[in-house]
Amino acid sequence: MEDYDETDPVLIQPASRGIIWKDGKLALIRSVKYGYYKFPGGGLEEGESLMDALIREVREESGLEVIPESIRLYGMSKRIEKGIWDYVLDQDSYYYLCEVTDRTFPQELGKHEKEARFVLDYVTPAAAVKTNDRYLRKESKVAIDRDNRVLRMLMTEMAARE
């Protein structure tokens, strides 16, 4: 069911999200406070490309440094939601497979990210889905459901390769 109507103001906010594998696990952002996993990434800043946003957002949220030449588009997910805002968020999230260097940097978290207590964690897609399913049973959050769908796709691909 839609939580908005055509008279609501709309914010169009494209986003880039990183799919980073290391030893069979994914580099994901865990909210210590709320108990969910998400892919590192977020919305584009004014004048920023999808690739630039990916590199910046991954570094800010996880401290990892993306290797630009390794970036490959995985897919896109559309989110249209009013939620807690006084506007409708229309967001195309582009997911990119990418590799990172061995260098790490301190996180540069925004206010809500600090409040959620974001930390970098390496987990299997199955473990992340299980955690997110538990979270989604008590909270309805479109962004976590969106990332869970991508995690399930990655699990299916892993199973097909085995």
N, C-alpha and C. Protein backbone atom coordinates (compact mmCIF):
# COMPACT_ATOMS: atom_id res chain seq x y z
N MET A 1 0.84 -1.18 0.00
CA MET A 1 0.00 0.00 0.00
C MET A 1 0.88 1.24 0.00
N GLU A 2 0.57 2.18 -0.84
CA GLU A 2 1.35 3.41 -0.92
C GLU A 2 1.06 4.31 0.27
N ASP A 3 2.09 4.99 0.77
CA ASP A 3 1.94 5.88 1.92
C ASP A 3 2.02 7.35 1.50
N TYR A 4 1.64 7.64 0.27
CA TYR A 4 1.72 9.00 -0.25
C TYR A 4 0.66 9.18 -1.33
N ASP A 5 0.45 10.44 -1.75
CA ASP A 5 -0.42 10.70 -2.88
C ASP A 5 0.25 11.71 -3.81
N GLU A 6 -0.38 11.97 -4.95
CA GLU A 6 0.25 12.78 -5.99
C GLU A 6 0.43 14.25 -5.60
N THR A 7 -0.16 14.69 -4.50
CA THR A 7 0.01 16.09 -4.08
C THR A 7 1.22 16.29 -3.17
N ASP A 8 1.82 15.20 -2.69
CA ASP A 8 2.99 15.31 -1.82
C ASP A 8 4.21 15.77 -2.62
N PRO A 9 5.07 16.61 -2.02
CA PRO A 9 6.32 16.96 -2.70
C PRO A 9 7.22 15.73 -2.82
N VAL A 10 8.05 15.70 -3.86
CA VAL A 10 8.89 14.55 -4.15
C VAL A 10 10.36 14.97 -4.15
N LEU A 11 11.19 14.18 -3.48
CA LEU A 11 12.64 14.34 -3.53
C LEU A 11 13.20 13.18 -4.33
N ILE A 12 13.82 13.49 -5.47
CA ILE A 12 14.47 12.45 -6.28
C ILE A 12 15.91 12.37 -5.81
N GLN A 13 16.30 11.20 -5.29
CA GLN A 13 17.61 11.04 -4.66
C GLN A 13 18.26 9.73 -5.11
N PRO A 14 19.01 9.74 -6.24
CA PRO A 14 19.72 8.52 -6.63
C PRO A 14 20.78 8.16 -5.58
N ALA A 15 21.13 6.89 -5.52
CA ALA A 15 22.10 6.42 -4.53
C ALA A 15 22.99 5.33 -5.14
N SER A 16 24.18 5.20 -4.58
CA SER A 16 25.13 4.15 -4.95
C SER A 16 25.43 3.30 -3.72
N ARG A 17 25.50 1.97 -3.93
CA ARG A 17 25.77 1.06 -2.81
C ARG A 17 26.79 0.02 -3.25
N GLY A 18 27.71 -0.31 -2.35
CA GLY A 18 28.79 -1.22 -2.68
C GLY A 18 28.56 -2.65 -2.24
N ILE A 19 28.85 -3.58 -3.13
CA ILE A 19 28.85 -5.01 -2.82
C ILE A 19 30.32 -5.42 -2.80
N ILE A 20 30.83 -5.65 -1.61
CA ILE A 20 32.26 -5.90 -1.43
C ILE A 20 32.45 -7.26 -0.76
N TRP A 21 33.06 -8.20 -1.48
CA TRP A 21 33.30 -9.55 -0.97
C TRP A 21 34.70 -9.65 -0.40
N LYS A 22 34.83 -10.41 0.68
CA LYS A 22 36.14 -10.74 1.24
C LYS A 22 36.03 -12.12 1.90
N ASP A 23 36.73 -13.06 1.35
CA ASP A 23 36.76 -14.42 1.89
C ASP A 23 35.37 -15.01 2.09
N GLY A 24 34.50 -14.86 1.09
CA GLY A 24 33.16 -15.43 1.14
C GLY A 24 32.16 -14.68 1.99
N LYS A 25 32.58 -13.53 2.52
CA LYS A 25 31.68 -12.71 3.33
C LYS A 25 31.56 -11.33 2.70
N LEU A 26 30.49 -10.63 3.06
CA LEU A 26 30.26 -9.28 2.55
C LEU A 26 30.64 -8.24 3.59
N ALA A 27 31.20 -7.15 3.11
CA ALA A 27 31.45 -5.99 3.97
C ALA A 27 30.14 -5.23 4.05
N LEU A 28 29.50 -5.30 5.21
CA LEU A 28 28.21 -4.64 5.42
C LEU A 28 28.30 -3.69 6.61
N ILE A 29 27.38 -2.76 6.65
CA ILE A 29 27.27 -1.85 7.77
C ILE A 29 26.22 -2.40 8.71
N ARG A 30 26.60 -2.57 9.97
CA ARG A 30 25.67 -3.06 10.99
C ARG A 30 25.27 -1.91 11.89
N SER A 31 23.99 -1.78 12.12
CA SER A 31 23.50 -0.83 13.11
C SER A 31 23.50 -1.55 14.46
N VAL A 32 24.42 -1.15 15.33
CA VAL A 32 24.49 -1.75 16.66
C VAL A 32 23.22 -1.43 17.44
N LYS A 33 22.70 -0.22 17.29
CA LYS A 33 21.52 0.21 18.05
C LYS A 33 20.25 -0.52 17.60
N TYR A 34 20.05 -0.64 16.29
CA TYR A 34 18.78 -1.18 15.79
C TYR A 34 18.84 -2.65 15.37
N GLY A 35 20.03 -3.18 15.13
CA GLY A 35 20.15 -4.60 14.82
C GLY A 35 19.80 -4.97 13.40
N TYR A 36 20.36 -4.27 12.42
CA TYR A 36 20.18 -4.64 11.02
C TYR A 36 21.49 -4.45 10.28
N TYR A 37 21.53 -5.03 9.07
CA TYR A 37 22.67 -4.85 8.17
C TYR A 37 22.22 -4.10 6.93
N LYS A 38 23.13 -3.30 6.38
CA LYS A 38 22.87 -2.60 5.12
C LYS A 38 24.16 -2.56 4.32
N PHE A 39 24.00 -2.39 3.01
CA PHE A 39 25.17 -2.21 2.17
C PHE A 39 25.73 -0.81 2.39
N PRO A 40 27.05 -0.66 2.38
CA PRO A 40 27.60 0.69 2.50
C PRO A 40 27.24 1.50 1.26
N GLY A 41 26.79 2.71 1.48
CA GLY A 41 26.41 3.57 0.36
C GLY A 41 25.37 4.56 0.77
N GLY A 42 25.00 5.41 -0.18
CA GLY A 42 24.00 6.42 0.10
C GLY A 42 23.80 7.35 -1.08
N GLY A 43 23.10 8.44 -0.82
CA GLY A 43 22.68 9.36 -1.86
C GLY A 43 23.79 10.21 -2.44
N LEU A 44 23.57 10.60 -3.68
CA LEU A 44 24.50 11.47 -4.39
C LEU A 44 24.40 12.89 -3.84
N GLU A 45 25.54 13.54 -3.77
CA GLU A 45 25.57 14.97 -3.46
C GLU A 45 25.47 15.73 -4.78
N GLU A 46 25.12 17.01 -4.71
CA GLU A 46 24.94 17.81 -5.92
C GLU A 46 26.18 17.77 -6.80
N GLY A 47 25.96 17.46 -8.09
CA GLY A 47 27.04 17.43 -9.06
C GLY A 47 27.90 16.18 -9.03
N GLU A 48 27.55 15.23 -8.20
CA GLU A 48 28.35 14.02 -8.02
C GLU A 48 27.86 12.91 -8.95
N SER A 49 28.78 12.13 -9.49
CA SER A 49 28.42 10.97 -10.31
C SER A 49 28.11 9.78 -9.41
N LEU A 50 27.49 8.76 -9.99
CA LEU A 50 27.21 7.53 -9.23
C LEU A 50 28.50 6.90 -8.72
N MET A 51 29.53 6.89 -9.55
CA MET A 51 30.81 6.28 -9.15
C MET A 51 31.46 7.08 -8.02
N ASP A 52 31.46 8.41 -8.15
CA ASP A 52 32.05 9.25 -7.10
C ASP A 52 31.30 9.07 -5.78
N ALA A 53 29.97 8.97 -5.86
CA ALA A 53 29.17 8.77 -4.65
C ALA A 53 29.48 7.42 -4.02
N LEU A 54 29.65 6.40 -4.85
CA LEU A 54 29.98 5.06 -4.34
C LEU A 54 31.30 5.11 -3.56
N ILE A 55 32.31 5.68 -4.17
CA ILE A 55 33.63 5.75 -3.53
C ILE A 55 33.56 6.54 -2.23
N ARG A 56 32.88 7.69 -2.25
CA ARG A 56 32.78 8.54 -1.06
C ARG A 56 31.97 7.85 0.03
N GLU A 57 30.80 7.34 -0.32
CA GLU A 57 29.91 6.74 0.69
C GLU A 57 30.52 5.49 1.33
N VAL A 58 31.15 4.65 0.52
CA VAL A 58 31.78 3.45 1.08
C VAL A 58 32.87 3.87 2.07
N ARG A 59 33.66 4.85 1.70
CA ARG A 59 34.74 5.30 2.59
C ARG A 59 34.17 5.94 3.86
N GLU A 60 33.13 6.78 3.72
CA GLU A 60 32.56 7.44 4.90
C GLU A 60 31.94 6.44 5.87
N GLU A 61 31.15 5.49 5.36
CA GLU A 61 30.42 4.57 6.24
C GLU A 61 31.27 3.42 6.75
N SER A 62 32.21 2.93 5.92
CA SER A 62 32.96 1.73 6.30
C SER A 62 34.44 1.97 6.57
N GLY A 63 34.98 3.05 6.03
CA GLY A 63 36.42 3.29 6.13
C GLY A 63 37.21 2.55 5.07
N LEU A 64 36.51 1.87 4.15
CA LEU A 64 37.19 1.13 3.08
C LEU A 64 37.39 2.01 1.85
N GLU A 65 38.47 1.73 1.12
CA GLU A 65 38.82 2.51 -0.06
C GLU A 65 38.55 1.68 -1.32
N VAL A 66 37.56 2.11 -2.11
CA VAL A 66 37.19 1.39 -3.33
C VAL A 66 38.25 1.61 -4.41
N ILE A 67 38.57 0.55 -5.14
CA ILE A 67 39.45 0.63 -6.29
C ILE A 67 38.57 0.99 -7.50
N PRO A 68 38.69 2.22 -8.03
CA PRO A 68 37.77 2.67 -9.09
C PRO A 68 37.70 1.73 -10.29
N GLU A 69 38.82 1.16 -10.71
CA GLU A 69 38.83 0.29 -11.89
C GLU A 69 38.08 -1.03 -11.66
N SER A 70 37.78 -1.36 -10.43
CA SER A 70 37.12 -2.63 -10.13
C SER A 70 35.59 -2.52 -10.14
N ILE A 71 35.06 -1.33 -10.25
CA ILE A 71 33.61 -1.10 -10.11
C ILE A 71 32.86 -1.67 -11.32
N ARG A 72 31.84 -2.53 -11.01
CA ARG A 72 30.98 -3.11 -12.04
C ARG A 72 29.53 -3.06 -11.56
N LEU A 73 28.65 -2.57 -12.41
CA LEU A 73 27.24 -2.47 -12.05
C LEU A 73 26.65 -3.85 -11.82
N TYR A 74 25.95 -4.01 -10.70
CA TYR A 74 25.26 -5.26 -10.38
C TYR A 74 23.78 -5.15 -10.71
N GLY A 75 23.17 -4.02 -10.34
CA GLY A 75 21.76 -3.84 -10.61
C GLY A 75 21.22 -2.59 -9.93
N MET A 76 19.92 -2.37 -10.10
CA MET A 76 19.29 -1.18 -9.54
C MET A 76 17.98 -1.57 -8.87
N SER A 77 17.67 -0.87 -7.78
CA SER A 77 16.42 -1.07 -7.06
C SER A 77 15.72 0.28 -6.91
N LYS A 78 14.42 0.32 -7.11
CA LYS A 78 13.64 1.56 -6.98
C LYS A 78 12.89 1.56 -5.67
N ARG A 79 12.93 2.70 -4.99
CA ARG A 79 12.23 2.88 -3.71
C ARG A 79 11.43 4.19 -3.79
N ILE A 80 10.13 4.09 -3.57
CA ILE A 80 9.29 5.28 -3.47
C ILE A 80 8.54 5.16 -2.16
N GLU A 81 8.82 6.10 -1.24
CA GLU A 81 8.28 5.99 0.11
C GLU A 81 8.17 7.37 0.75
N LYS A 82 7.09 7.59 1.46
CA LYS A 82 6.97 8.82 2.23
C LYS A 82 7.52 8.60 3.63
N GLY A 83 7.15 7.52 4.25
CA GLY A 83 7.70 7.19 5.56
C GLY A 83 7.54 8.30 6.58
N ILE A 84 8.63 8.66 7.24
CA ILE A 84 8.61 9.64 8.32
C ILE A 84 8.78 11.08 7.83
N TRP A 85 9.01 11.26 6.53
CA TRP A 85 9.29 12.59 6.00
C TRP A 85 8.02 13.32 5.59
N ASP A 86 8.17 14.63 5.33
CA ASP A 86 7.04 15.41 4.82
C ASP A 86 7.10 15.48 3.29
N TYR A 87 7.86 14.60 2.69
CA TYR A 87 7.97 14.50 1.25
C TYR A 87 8.06 13.02 0.87
N VAL A 88 7.91 12.74 -0.41
CA VAL A 88 8.05 11.38 -0.93
C VAL A 88 9.49 11.21 -1.42
N LEU A 89 10.16 10.17 -0.95
CA LEU A 89 11.50 9.85 -1.42
C LEU A 89 11.39 8.93 -2.63
N ASP A 90 11.91 9.37 -3.76
CA ASP A 90 11.96 8.59 -4.98
C ASP A 90 13.44 8.29 -5.22
N GLN A 91 13.86 7.05 -4.91
CA GLN A 91 15.27 6.73 -4.91
C GLN A 91 15.57 5.50 -5.76
N ASP A 92 16.44 5.70 -6.75
CA ASP A 92 17.00 4.59 -7.51
C ASP A 92 18.34 4.28 -6.87
N SER A 93 18.48 3.07 -6.31
CA SER A 93 19.73 2.64 -5.69
C SER A 93 20.47 1.74 -6.67
N TYR A 94 21.67 2.17 -7.05
CA TYR A 94 22.52 1.40 -7.95
C TYR A 94 23.53 0.62 -7.11
N TYR A 95 23.51 -0.70 -7.29
CA TYR A 95 24.42 -1.59 -6.55
C TYR A 95 25.60 -1.92 -7.45
N TYR A 96 26.80 -1.79 -6.89
CA TYR A 96 28.02 -2.04 -7.64
C TYR A 96 28.88 -3.08 -6.94
N LEU A 97 29.33 -4.07 -7.70
CA LEU A 97 30.36 -4.97 -7.23
C LEU A 97 31.66 -4.19 -7.29
N CYS A 98 32.45 -4.24 -6.25
CA CYS A 98 33.72 -3.51 -6.27
C CYS A 98 34.71 -4.16 -5.30
N GLU A 99 35.96 -3.83 -5.53
CA GLU A 99 37.03 -4.31 -4.66
C GLU A 99 37.60 -3.11 -3.91
N VAL A 100 38.26 -3.41 -2.81
CA VAL A 100 38.84 -2.35 -1.99
C VAL A 100 40.33 -2.61 -1.77
N THR A 101 41.06 -1.55 -1.45
CA THR A 101 42.48 -1.67 -1.13
C THR A 101 42.62 -2.21 0.30
N ASP A 102 43.84 -2.41 0.73
CA ASP A 102 44.09 -2.84 2.11
C ASP A 102 44.08 -1.67 3.08
N ARG A 103 44.03 -0.44 2.56
CA ARG A 103 44.02 0.75 3.41
C ARG A 103 42.64 0.93 4.05
N THR A 104 42.62 1.41 5.28
CA THR A 104 41.36 1.76 5.93
C THR A 104 41.47 3.16 6.51
N PHE A 105 40.34 3.79 6.66
CA PHE A 105 40.24 5.16 7.14
C PHE A 105 39.21 5.22 8.26
N PRO A 106 39.27 6.25 9.09
CA PRO A 106 38.22 6.41 10.10
C PRO A 106 36.87 6.67 9.42
N GLN A 107 35.82 6.16 10.03
CA GLN A 107 34.47 6.44 9.52
C GLN A 107 34.20 7.94 9.64
N GLU A 108 33.38 8.45 8.70
CA GLU A 108 32.90 9.83 8.74
C GLU A 108 31.37 9.78 8.68
N LEU A 109 30.76 9.51 9.82
CA LEU A 109 29.33 9.27 9.88
C LEU A 109 28.55 10.55 10.11
N GLY A 110 27.37 10.60 9.48
CA GLY A 110 26.43 11.68 9.72
C GLY A 110 25.69 11.46 11.03
N LYS A 111 24.84 12.40 11.38
CA LYS A 111 24.13 12.38 12.66
C LYS A 111 23.31 11.09 12.84
N HIS A 112 22.46 10.76 11.86
CA HIS A 112 21.62 9.56 12.03
C HIS A 112 22.46 8.28 11.99
N GLU A 113 23.57 8.29 11.27
CA GLU A 113 24.45 7.12 11.22
C GLU A 113 25.17 6.91 12.55
N LYS A 114 25.56 8.00 13.19
CA LYS A 114 26.16 7.91 14.53
C LYS A 114 25.14 7.42 15.53
N GLU A 115 23.92 7.96 15.42
CA GLU A 115 22.86 7.55 16.34
C GLU A 115 22.55 6.06 16.20
N ALA A 116 22.56 5.56 14.96
CA ALA A 116 22.30 4.13 14.72
C ALA A 116 23.52 3.28 15.08
N ARG A 117 24.65 3.93 15.37
CA ARG A 117 25.91 3.28 15.73
C ARG A 117 26.35 2.29 14.64
N PHE A 118 26.63 2.86 13.46
CA PHE A 118 27.08 2.07 12.32
C PHE A 118 28.51 1.57 12.54
N VAL A 119 28.72 0.29 12.30
CA VAL A 119 30.05 -0.31 12.32
C VAL A 119 30.20 -1.22 11.10
N LEU A 120 31.42 -1.38 10.64
CA LEU A 120 31.72 -2.30 9.54
C LEU A 120 31.76 -3.71 10.10
N ASP A 121 31.14 -4.63 9.37
CA ASP A 121 31.14 -6.03 9.78
C ASP A 121 31.24 -6.89 8.52
N TYR A 122 31.87 -8.04 8.64
CA TYR A 122 31.95 -9.00 7.53
C TYR A 122 31.10 -10.20 7.90
N VAL A 123 30.05 -10.43 7.10
CA VAL A 123 29.13 -11.53 7.38
C VAL A 123 28.71 -12.19 6.07
N THR A 124 28.22 -13.41 6.19
CA THR A 124 27.67 -14.08 5.01
C THR A 124 26.32 -13.45 4.68
N PRO A 125 25.91 -13.53 3.42
CA PRO A 125 24.58 -13.03 3.08
C PRO A 125 23.49 -13.70 3.91
N ALA A 126 23.61 -15.00 4.16
CA ALA A 126 22.59 -15.72 4.94
C ALA A 126 22.47 -15.17 6.35
N ALA A 127 23.61 -14.90 6.99
CA ALA A 127 23.57 -14.35 8.36
C ALA A 127 22.96 -12.95 8.36
N ALA A 128 23.27 -12.15 7.36
CA ALA A 128 22.69 -10.80 7.28
C ALA A 128 21.18 -10.86 7.06
N VAL A 129 20.74 -11.75 6.18
CA VAL A 129 19.30 -11.90 5.93
C VAL A 129 18.58 -12.33 7.20
N LYS A 130 19.14 -13.28 7.91
CA LYS A 130 18.52 -13.77 9.15
C LYS A 130 18.37 -12.62 10.16
N THR A 131 19.42 -11.83 10.32
CA THR A 131 19.38 -10.68 11.24
C THR A 131 18.35 -9.66 10.77
N ASN A 132 18.36 -9.37 9.47
CA ASN A 132 17.42 -8.37 8.93
C ASN A 132 15.97 -8.85 9.03
N ASP A 133 15.74 -10.13 8.80
CA ASP A 133 14.38 -10.68 8.93
C ASP A 133 13.86 -10.48 10.36
N ARG A 134 14.73 -10.70 11.33
CA ARG A 134 14.35 -10.48 12.74
C ARG A 134 13.98 -9.01 12.97
N TYR A 135 14.79 -8.12 12.42
CA TYR A 135 14.53 -6.68 12.55
C TYR A 135 13.21 -6.31 11.87
N LEU A 136 12.98 -6.84 10.67
CA LEU A 136 11.78 -6.48 9.89
C LEU A 136 10.50 -7.03 10.51
N ARG A 137 10.60 -8.04 11.37
CA ARG A 137 9.40 -8.53 12.07
C ARG A 137 8.87 -7.49 13.05
N LYS A 138 9.75 -6.60 13.56
CA LYS A 138 9.29 -5.59 14.52
C LYS A 138 9.24 -4.19 13.93
N GLU A 139 9.98 -3.94 12.86
CA GLU A 139 10.02 -2.62 12.22
C GLU A 139 9.80 -2.78 10.71
N SER A 140 9.04 -1.88 10.13
CA SER A 140 8.85 -1.88 8.68
C SER A 140 9.77 -0.80 8.11
N LYS A 141 10.84 -1.21 7.47
CA LYS A 141 11.79 -0.26 6.90
C LYS A 141 12.11 -0.68 5.48
N VAL A 142 11.64 0.11 4.52
CA VAL A 142 11.79 -0.23 3.11
C VAL A 142 13.25 -0.42 2.73
N ALA A 143 14.15 0.41 3.26
CA ALA A 143 15.56 0.33 2.89
C ALA A 143 16.17 -1.02 3.29
N ILE A 144 15.79 -1.55 4.44
CA ILE A 144 16.34 -2.83 4.89
C ILE A 144 15.74 -3.97 4.07
N ASP A 145 14.45 -3.88 3.77
CA ASP A 145 13.81 -4.87 2.91
C ASP A 145 14.47 -4.88 1.53
N ARG A 146 14.77 -3.69 1.00
CA ARG A 146 15.44 -3.56 -0.31
C ARG A 146 16.79 -4.27 -0.28
N ASP A 147 17.60 -4.00 0.74
CA ASP A 147 18.92 -4.63 0.83
C ASP A 147 18.79 -6.14 1.05
N ASN A 148 17.76 -6.56 1.78
CA ASN A 148 17.54 -8.00 1.99
C ASN A 148 17.25 -8.72 0.67
N ARG A 149 16.53 -8.05 -0.21
CA ARG A 149 16.24 -8.66 -1.52
C ARG A 149 17.54 -8.86 -2.31
N VAL A 150 18.43 -7.89 -2.26
CA VAL A 150 19.72 -8.01 -2.94
C VAL A 150 20.55 -9.11 -2.28
N LEU A 151 20.54 -9.17 -0.96
CA LEU A 151 21.26 -10.23 -0.25
C LEU A 151 20.76 -11.61 -0.67
N ARG A 152 19.45 -11.76 -0.82
CA ARG A 152 18.88 -13.05 -1.24
C ARG A 152 19.31 -13.40 -2.67
N MET A 153 19.39 -12.40 -3.53
CA MET A 153 19.87 -12.65 -4.90
C MET A 153 21.31 -13.13 -4.87
N LEU A 154 22.13 -12.52 -4.03
CA LEU A 154 23.53 -12.93 -3.92
C LEU A 154 23.62 -14.36 -3.38
N MET A 155 22.76 -14.71 -2.42
CA MET A 155 22.74 -16.07 -1.88
C MET A 155 22.40 -17.09 -2.98
N THR A 156 21.41 -16.76 -3.81
CA THR A 156 21.02 -17.64 -4.91
C THR A 156 22.16 -17.84 -5.88
N GLU A 157 22.86 -16.76 -6.21
CA GLU A 157 24.01 -16.85 -7.11
C GLU A 157 25.14 -17.69 -6.50
N MET A 158 25.37 -17.53 -5.20
CA MET A 158 26.39 -18.34 -4.53
C MET A 158 26.05 -19.82 -4.60
N ALA A 159 24.78 -20.15 -4.34
CA ALA A 159 24.34 -21.54 -4.34
C ALA A 159 24.46 -22.14 -5.74
N ALA A 160 24.20 -21.36 -6.78
CA ALA A 160 24.28 -21.85 -8.14
C ALA A 160 25.72 -22.16 -8.54
N ARG A 161 26.67 -21.46 -7.95
CA ARG A 161 28.10 -21.67 -8.27
C ARG A 161 28.66 -22.88 -7.55
N GLU A 162 28.00 -23.31 -6.46
CA GLU A 162 28.53 -24.44 -5.67
C GLU A 162 28.16 -25.77 -6.25
